C-alpha atoms as a PDB file:
ATOM      1  CA  UNK A   1      85.659  81.469 101.133  1.00  0.00           C
ATOM      2  CA  UNK A   2      84.252  85.264 100.159  1.00  0.00           C
ATOM      3  CA  UNK A   3      85.590  88.108 101.821  1.00  0.00           C
ATOM      4  CA  UNK A   4      83.001  89.891 103.783  1.00  0.00           C
ATOM      5  CA  UNK A   5      84.524  92.272 106.173  1.00  0.00           C
ATOM      6  CA  UNK A   6      88.011  94.332 106.589  1.00  0.00           C
ATOM      7  CA  UNK A   7      88.489  95.480 109.749  1.00  0.00           C
ATOM      8  CA  UNK A   8      90.177  98.473 111.320  1.00  0.00           C
ATOM      9  CA  UNK A   9      91.741  95.745 113.506  1.00  0.00           C
ATOM     10  CA  UNK A  10      92.091  92.418 114.673  1.00  0.00           C
ATOM     11  CA  UNK A  11      90.198  93.248 117.818  1.00  0.00           C
ATOM     12  CA  UNK A  12      87.368  94.354 115.755  1.00  0.00           C
ATOM     13  CA  UNK A  13      87.778  91.100 112.996  1.00  0.00           C
ATOM     14  CA  UNK A  14      87.577  88.652 116.203  1.00  0.00           C
ATOM     15  CA  UNK A  15      84.241  90.989 117.182  1.00  0.00           C
ATOM     16  CA  UNK A  16      82.710  90.433 113.851  1.00  0.00           C
ATOM     17  CA  UNK A  17      83.733  86.991 113.704  1.00  0.00           C
ATOM     18  CA  UNK A  18      82.156  86.164 117.304  1.00  0.00           C
ATOM     19  CA  UNK A  19      78.763  87.826 115.854  1.00  0.00           C
ATOM     20  CA  UNK A  20      78.655  85.750 112.896  1.00  0.00           C
ATOM     21  CA  UNK A  21      79.273  82.957 114.859  1.00  0.00           C
ATOM     22  CA  UNK A  22      76.854  83.386 117.659  1.00  0.00           C
ATOM     23  CA  UNK A  23      73.903  83.430 114.414  1.00  0.00           C
ATOM     24  CA  UNK A  24      75.440  80.199 113.327  1.00  0.00           C
ATOM     25  CA  UNK A  25      77.778  81.528 110.279  1.00  0.00           C
ATOM     26  CA  UNK A  26      81.169  79.708 109.976  1.00  0.00           C
ATOM     27  CA  UNK A  27      83.709  82.160 109.338  1.00  0.00           C
ATOM     28  CA  UNK A  28      87.836  82.318 108.789  1.00  0.00           C
ATOM     29  CA  UNK A  29      89.917  85.350 110.105  1.00  0.00           C
ATOM     30  CA  UNK A  30      92.476  86.085 107.677  1.00  0.00           C
ATOM     31  CA  UNK A  31      95.465  87.943 108.943  1.00  0.00           C
ATOM     32  CA  UNK A  32      95.476  87.340 112.266  1.00  0.00           C
ATOM     33  CA  UNK A  33      99.049  86.504 112.976  1.00  0.00           C
ATOM     34  CA  UNK A  34      99.856  89.443 110.751  1.00  0.00           C
ATOM     35  CA  UNK A  35      99.594  91.677 113.893  1.00  0.00           C
ATOM     36  CA  UNK A  36     102.787  90.632 115.188  1.00  0.00           C
ATOM     37  CA  UNK A  37     104.717  91.880 112.212  1.00  0.00           C
ATOM     38  CA  UNK A  38     102.698  95.465 111.846  1.00  0.00           C
ATOM     39  CA  UNK A  39     106.246  97.109 112.701  1.00  0.00           C
ATOM     40  CA  UNK A  40     107.298  95.927 109.170  1.00  0.00           C
ATOM     41  CA  UNK A  41     103.654  96.536 107.301  1.00  0.00           C
ATOM     42  CA  UNK A  42     101.090  99.316 106.724  1.00  0.00           C
ATOM     43  CA  UNK A  43      99.163  99.144 110.012  1.00  0.00           C
ATOM     44  CA  UNK A  44      95.853  98.506 108.422  1.00  0.00           C
ATOM     45  CA  UNK A  45      94.040  96.090 105.800  1.00  0.00           C
ATOM     46  CA  UNK A  46      95.439  93.142 107.368  1.00  0.00           C
ATOM     47  CA  UNK A  47      92.199  91.747 108.866  1.00  0.00           C
ATOM     48  CA  UNK A  48      89.740  90.022 107.455  1.00  0.00           C
ATOM     49  CA  UNK A  49      86.778  88.247 107.915  1.00  0.00           C
ATOM     50  CA  UNK A  50      85.927  85.240 105.354  1.00  0.00           C
ATOM     51  CA  UNK A  51      82.400  83.165 105.240  1.00  0.00           C
ATOM     52  CA  UNK A  52      81.638  80.201 102.882  1.00  0.00           C
ATOM     53  CA  UNK A  53      79.552  81.795  99.759  1.00  0.00           C
ATOM     54  CA  UNK A  54      76.373  80.128 100.429  1.00  0.00           C
ATOM     55  CA  UNK A  55      76.274  82.386 104.057  1.00  0.00           C
ATOM     56  CA  UNK A  56      77.508  85.193 102.517  1.00  0.00           C
ATOM     57  CA  UNK A  57      73.745  87.355 102.199  1.00  0.00           C
ATOM     58  CA  UNK A  58      73.046  86.694 105.337  1.00  0.00           C
ATOM     59  CA  UNK A  59      76.764  87.620 106.749  1.00  0.00           C
ATOM     60  CA  UNK A  60      76.984  90.937 105.078  1.00  0.00           C
ATOM     61  CA  UNK A  61      73.309  91.742 106.057  1.00  0.00           C
ATOM     62  CA  UNK A  62      74.206  90.608 110.057  1.00  0.00           C
ATOM     63  CA  UNK A  63      77.597  93.009 109.149  1.00  0.00           C
ATOM     64  CA  UNK A  64      75.521  95.891 107.861  1.00  0.00           C
ATOM     65  CA  UNK A  65      73.544  95.946 111.094  1.00  0.00           C
ATOM     66  CA  UNK A  66      76.635  95.989 112.978  1.00  0.00           C
ATOM     67  CA  UNK A  67      77.832  99.042 111.335  1.00  0.00           C
ATOM     68  CA  UNK A  68      74.927 100.880 111.459  1.00  0.00           C
ATOM     69  CA  UNK A  69      74.567 100.251 115.452  1.00  0.00           C
ATOM     70  CA  UNK A  70      71.754  98.046 115.070  1.00  0.00           C
ATOM     71  CA  UNK A  71      73.351  95.140 116.632  1.00  0.00           C
END
């Protein structure tokens, strides 16, 4: 699986994952259970979205549209 998005928080990771799934792109959220450990960890860079290599280019295009406010 390839990392396609580093979210600011787990909520944003879920939003992006839901968007990808709505476009039939299977994805995985990494760092989901680290949210509870934020008191001991840096509060950033733990929520990631991964996709299969075959879907990477399509996922990155959708994420770019999301970041540009086009979705």
